[in-house]
Amino acid sequence: MTSQSVKEWKRILDTIMKDELSEDFVEPVDWEELGLDDYLDVIDTPMDLGTVKTKLKEGKYKTFQSFQDDVNLVFDNCIKYNREGSDIAQD
């Protein structure tokens, strides 16, 4: 991993985070506040874009694949938890 790679990954993440459709994914799901008592029963590994950004800053991603896997996990979790046809879980 080079510093150039990290810069590119940061650019990709910033682009995703700036999209208005991503606003619900920037912070962890506050499942307690939302009354989603079964959230941790359904979602094995919670992930959000803010956590991805923190992990990127801390140098926790050694490969692009691991970075990409966490970004994808954010949206995969959404689809997994929310009912088919809900506005937030649209593919």
N, C-alpha and C. Protein backbone atom coordinates (compact mmCIF):
# COMPACT_ATOMS: atom_id res chain seq x y z
N MET A 1 0.85 -1.18 0.00
CA MET A 1 0.00 0.00 0.00
C MET A 1 0.90 1.24 0.00
N THR A 2 0.61 2.14 -0.89
CA THR A 2 1.37 3.38 -0.97
C THR A 2 0.51 4.55 -0.51
N SER A 3 1.16 5.66 -0.23
CA SER A 3 0.41 6.85 0.17
C SER A 3 -0.49 7.31 -0.97
N GLN A 4 -0.06 7.06 -2.20
CA GLN A 4 -0.90 7.41 -3.36
C GLN A 4 -2.17 6.57 -3.36
N SER A 5 -2.04 5.29 -3.00
CA SER A 5 -3.21 4.41 -2.93
C SER A 5 -4.20 4.95 -1.90
N VAL A 6 -3.69 5.29 -0.73
CA VAL A 6 -4.56 5.79 0.34
C VAL A 6 -5.26 7.07 -0.09
N LYS A 7 -4.55 7.94 -0.79
CA LYS A 7 -5.16 9.17 -1.29
C LYS A 7 -6.30 8.86 -2.25
N GLU A 8 -6.10 7.88 -3.11
CA GLU A 8 -7.14 7.50 -4.07
C GLU A 8 -8.34 6.89 -3.33
N TRP A 9 -8.08 6.04 -2.36
CA TRP A 9 -9.17 5.44 -1.59
C TRP A 9 -9.95 6.53 -0.85
N LYS A 10 -9.24 7.51 -0.30
CA LYS A 10 -9.89 8.62 0.39
C LYS A 10 -10.75 9.42 -0.59
N ARG A 11 -10.24 9.64 -1.79
CA ARG A 11 -11.02 10.37 -2.80
C ARG A 11 -12.31 9.62 -3.13
N ILE A 12 -12.20 8.31 -3.27
CA ILE A 12 -13.38 7.48 -3.57
C ILE A 12 -14.39 7.59 -2.43
N LEU A 13 -13.90 7.44 -1.20
CA LEU A 13 -14.80 7.50 -0.04
C LEU A 13 -15.44 8.87 0.09
N ASP A 14 -14.67 9.93 -0.09
CA ASP A 14 -15.22 11.29 -0.02
C ASP A 14 -16.31 11.50 -1.05
N THR A 15 -16.12 10.97 -2.25
CA THR A 15 -17.13 11.09 -3.30
C THR A 15 -18.42 10.39 -2.89
N ILE A 16 -18.29 9.20 -2.34
CA ILE A 16 -19.47 8.46 -1.88
C ILE A 16 -20.17 9.22 -0.75
N MET A 17 -19.39 9.71 0.21
CA MET A 17 -19.97 10.38 1.37
C MET A 17 -20.65 11.70 1.02
N LYS A 18 -20.20 12.35 -0.04
CA LYS A 18 -20.79 13.63 -0.45
C LYS A 18 -22.13 13.44 -1.16
N ASP A 19 -22.39 12.25 -1.65
CA ASP A 19 -23.64 11.98 -2.35
C ASP A 19 -24.79 12.04 -1.34
N GLU A 20 -25.82 12.81 -1.65
CA GLU A 20 -26.95 12.96 -0.73
C GLU A 20 -27.63 11.62 -0.41
N LEU A 21 -27.52 10.66 -1.28
CA LEU A 21 -28.12 9.35 -1.03
C LEU A 21 -27.35 8.56 0.03
N SER A 22 -26.16 9.02 0.38
CA SER A 22 -25.35 8.33 1.38
C SER A 22 -25.49 8.91 2.78
N GLU A 23 -26.28 9.95 2.93
CA GLU A 23 -26.33 10.65 4.22
C GLU A 23 -26.76 9.74 5.38
N ASP A 24 -27.57 8.74 5.13
CA ASP A 24 -28.00 7.83 6.19
C ASP A 24 -26.93 6.82 6.58
N PHE A 25 -25.82 6.81 5.86
CA PHE A 25 -24.79 5.79 6.06
C PHE A 25 -23.47 6.36 6.60
N VAL A 26 -23.47 7.64 6.96
CA VAL A 26 -22.24 8.30 7.40
C VAL A 26 -21.91 7.97 8.85
N GLU A 27 -22.90 7.71 9.66
CA GLU A 27 -22.70 7.39 11.07
C GLU A 27 -23.27 6.01 11.38
N PRO A 28 -22.80 5.40 12.47
CA PRO A 28 -23.34 4.08 12.83
C PRO A 28 -24.86 4.14 13.05
N VAL A 29 -25.52 3.04 12.74
CA VAL A 29 -26.96 2.94 13.01
C VAL A 29 -27.14 3.01 14.52
N ASP A 30 -27.94 3.96 14.98
CA ASP A 30 -28.24 4.07 16.41
C ASP A 30 -29.45 3.19 16.68
N TRP A 31 -29.18 1.89 16.69
CA TRP A 31 -30.27 0.92 16.76
C TRP A 31 -31.05 1.03 18.07
N GLU A 32 -30.40 1.42 19.16
CA GLU A 32 -31.12 1.59 20.42
C GLU A 32 -32.09 2.76 20.35
N GLU A 33 -31.61 3.89 19.85
CA GLU A 33 -32.46 5.08 19.71
C GLU A 33 -33.63 4.83 18.77
N LEU A 34 -33.37 4.06 17.73
CA LEU A 34 -34.41 3.77 16.74
C LEU A 34 -35.32 2.62 17.16
N GLY A 35 -35.02 1.98 18.28
CA GLY A 35 -35.85 0.87 18.76
C GLY A 35 -35.71 -0.39 17.91
N LEU A 36 -34.56 -0.57 17.31
CA LEU A 36 -34.32 -1.74 16.46
C LEU A 36 -33.66 -2.84 17.30
N ASP A 37 -34.44 -3.39 18.22
CA ASP A 37 -33.90 -4.33 19.19
C ASP A 37 -33.29 -5.58 18.57
N ASP A 38 -33.69 -5.91 17.37
CA ASP A 38 -33.16 -7.12 16.72
C ASP A 38 -31.99 -6.82 15.78
N TYR A 39 -31.54 -5.57 15.74
CA TYR A 39 -30.51 -5.18 14.77
C TYR A 39 -29.26 -6.05 14.87
N LEU A 40 -28.75 -6.24 16.07
CA LEU A 40 -27.52 -7.02 16.23
C LEU A 40 -27.76 -8.52 16.08
N ASP A 41 -29.02 -8.95 16.10
CA ASP A 41 -29.34 -10.34 15.79
C ASP A 41 -29.25 -10.59 14.29
N VAL A 42 -29.57 -9.57 13.51
CA VAL A 42 -29.59 -9.68 12.05
C VAL A 42 -28.24 -9.30 11.44
N ILE A 43 -27.61 -8.27 11.98
CA ILE A 43 -26.37 -7.73 11.42
C ILE A 43 -25.19 -8.19 12.27
N ASP A 44 -24.34 -9.02 11.70
CA ASP A 44 -23.18 -9.55 12.41
C ASP A 44 -22.08 -8.52 12.61
N THR A 45 -21.84 -7.69 11.59
CA THR A 45 -20.76 -6.71 11.64
C THR A 45 -21.29 -5.35 11.19
N PRO A 46 -21.75 -4.54 12.13
CA PRO A 46 -22.21 -3.20 11.75
C PRO A 46 -21.07 -2.41 11.10
N MET A 47 -21.41 -1.60 10.12
CA MET A 47 -20.40 -0.78 9.45
C MET A 47 -21.09 0.46 8.89
N ASP A 48 -20.38 1.57 8.91
CA ASP A 48 -20.87 2.83 8.35
C ASP A 48 -19.69 3.54 7.69
N LEU A 49 -19.99 4.51 6.87
CA LEU A 49 -18.95 5.20 6.11
C LEU A 49 -18.01 5.99 7.00
N GLY A 50 -18.51 6.53 8.11
CA GLY A 50 -17.65 7.25 9.04
C GLY A 50 -16.60 6.33 9.66
N THR A 51 -17.02 5.11 9.98
CA THR A 51 -16.07 4.13 10.52
C THR A 51 -15.05 3.74 9.47
N VAL A 52 -15.48 3.60 8.22
CA VAL A 52 -14.54 3.31 7.13
C VAL A 52 -13.52 4.44 7.04
N LYS A 53 -13.98 5.68 7.12
CA LYS A 53 -13.07 6.83 7.03
C LYS A 53 -12.05 6.81 8.18
N THR A 54 -12.51 6.51 9.38
CA THR A 54 -11.62 6.43 10.53
C THR A 54 -10.59 5.32 10.35
N LYS A 55 -11.05 4.15 9.92
CA LYS A 55 -10.13 3.04 9.69
C LYS A 55 -9.10 3.38 8.61
N LEU A 56 -9.53 4.12 7.59
CA LEU A 56 -8.62 4.53 6.53
C LEU A 56 -7.56 5.48 7.08
N LYS A 57 -7.99 6.46 7.88
CA LYS A 57 -7.05 7.42 8.49
C LYS A 57 -6.05 6.71 9.41
N GLU A 58 -6.51 5.66 10.08
CA GLU A 58 -5.66 4.94 11.03
C GLU A 58 -4.77 3.88 10.35
N GLY A 59 -4.89 3.77 9.03
CA GLY A 59 -4.05 2.84 8.29
C GLY A 59 -4.42 1.38 8.48
N LYS A 60 -5.69 1.13 8.76
CA LYS A 60 -6.13 -0.25 9.02
C LYS A 60 -6.37 -1.06 7.75
N TYR A 61 -6.44 -0.41 6.62
CA TYR A 61 -6.64 -1.13 5.36
C TYR A 61 -5.30 -1.35 4.69
N LYS A 62 -4.96 -2.61 4.49
CA LYS A 62 -3.69 -2.96 3.84
C LYS A 62 -3.87 -3.22 2.35
N THR A 63 -5.12 -3.47 1.94
CA THR A 63 -5.41 -3.72 0.53
C THR A 63 -6.67 -2.96 0.13
N PHE A 64 -6.78 -2.70 -1.16
CA PHE A 64 -7.99 -2.07 -1.66
C PHE A 64 -9.19 -2.97 -1.41
N GLN A 65 -9.00 -4.28 -1.53
CA GLN A 65 -10.11 -5.22 -1.34
C GLN A 65 -10.71 -5.10 0.06
N SER A 66 -9.87 -4.96 1.08
CA SER A 66 -10.40 -4.85 2.45
C SER A 66 -11.16 -3.54 2.63
N PHE A 67 -10.68 -2.47 2.02
CA PHE A 67 -11.38 -1.19 2.02
C PHE A 67 -12.73 -1.34 1.30
N GLN A 68 -12.70 -1.91 0.13
CA GLN A 68 -13.91 -2.09 -0.67
C GLN A 68 -14.92 -2.99 0.05
N ASP A 69 -14.43 -4.02 0.71
CA ASP A 69 -15.33 -4.92 1.43
C ASP A 69 -16.10 -4.19 2.52
N ASP A 70 -15.43 -3.29 3.25
CA ASP A 70 -16.12 -2.53 4.30
C ASP A 70 -17.13 -1.55 3.70
N VAL A 71 -16.78 -0.87 2.61
CA VAL A 71 -17.73 0.03 1.96
C VAL A 71 -18.95 -0.76 1.51
N ASN A 72 -18.72 -1.90 0.89
CA ASN A 72 -19.85 -2.73 0.44
C ASN A 72 -20.68 -3.24 1.61
N LEU A 73 -20.02 -3.53 2.74
CA LEU A 73 -20.71 -4.03 3.92
C LEU A 73 -21.74 -3.02 4.43
N VAL A 74 -21.44 -1.74 4.33
CA VAL A 74 -22.38 -0.70 4.74
C VAL A 74 -23.72 -0.90 4.04
N PHE A 75 -23.66 -1.06 2.74
CA PHE A 75 -24.88 -1.15 1.95
C PHE A 75 -25.49 -2.55 1.99
N ASP A 76 -24.64 -3.57 2.08
CA ASP A 76 -25.15 -4.94 2.23
C ASP A 76 -25.94 -5.08 3.53
N ASN A 77 -25.43 -4.48 4.61
CA ASN A 77 -26.15 -4.52 5.88
C ASN A 77 -27.51 -3.85 5.77
N CYS A 78 -27.56 -2.75 5.07
CA CYS A 78 -28.82 -2.03 4.89
C CYS A 78 -29.84 -2.91 4.18
N ILE A 79 -29.40 -3.53 3.11
CA ILE A 79 -30.30 -4.39 2.34
C ILE A 79 -30.72 -5.60 3.17
N LYS A 80 -29.78 -6.15 3.92
CA LYS A 80 -30.08 -7.34 4.74
C LYS A 80 -31.10 -7.01 5.83
N TYR A 81 -30.95 -5.87 6.48
CA TYR A 81 -31.83 -5.55 7.61
C TYR A 81 -33.20 -5.05 7.20
N ASN A 82 -33.25 -4.24 6.18
CA ASN A 82 -34.50 -3.60 5.78
C ASN A 82 -35.30 -4.50 4.86
N ARG A 83 -36.59 -4.36 4.98
CA ARG A 83 -37.50 -5.17 4.17
C ARG A 83 -37.32 -4.87 2.70
N GLU A 84 -37.49 -5.91 1.92
CA GLU A 84 -37.48 -5.76 0.47
C GLU A 84 -38.54 -4.74 0.09
N GLY A 85 -38.17 -3.82 -0.77
CA GLY A 85 -39.10 -2.79 -1.22
C GLY A 85 -39.06 -1.52 -0.41
N SER A 86 -38.32 -1.50 0.71
CA SER A 86 -38.24 -0.26 1.47
C SER A 86 -37.40 0.75 0.70
N ASP A 87 -37.67 2.01 0.91
CA ASP A 87 -36.94 3.06 0.19
C ASP A 87 -35.44 3.01 0.45
N ILE A 88 -35.05 2.71 1.67
CA ILE A 88 -33.63 2.77 2.01
C ILE A 88 -32.86 1.56 1.50
N ALA A 89 -33.52 0.46 1.23
CA ALA A 89 -32.82 -0.77 0.82
C ALA A 89 -32.89 -1.03 -0.67
N GLN A 90 -33.25 -0.05 -1.45
CA GLN A 90 -33.31 -0.25 -2.89
C GLN A 90 -31.93 -0.53 -3.43
N ASP A 91 -31.83 -1.51 -4.33
CA ASP A 91 -30.54 -1.84 -4.98
C ASP A 91 -30.14 -0.74 -5.93
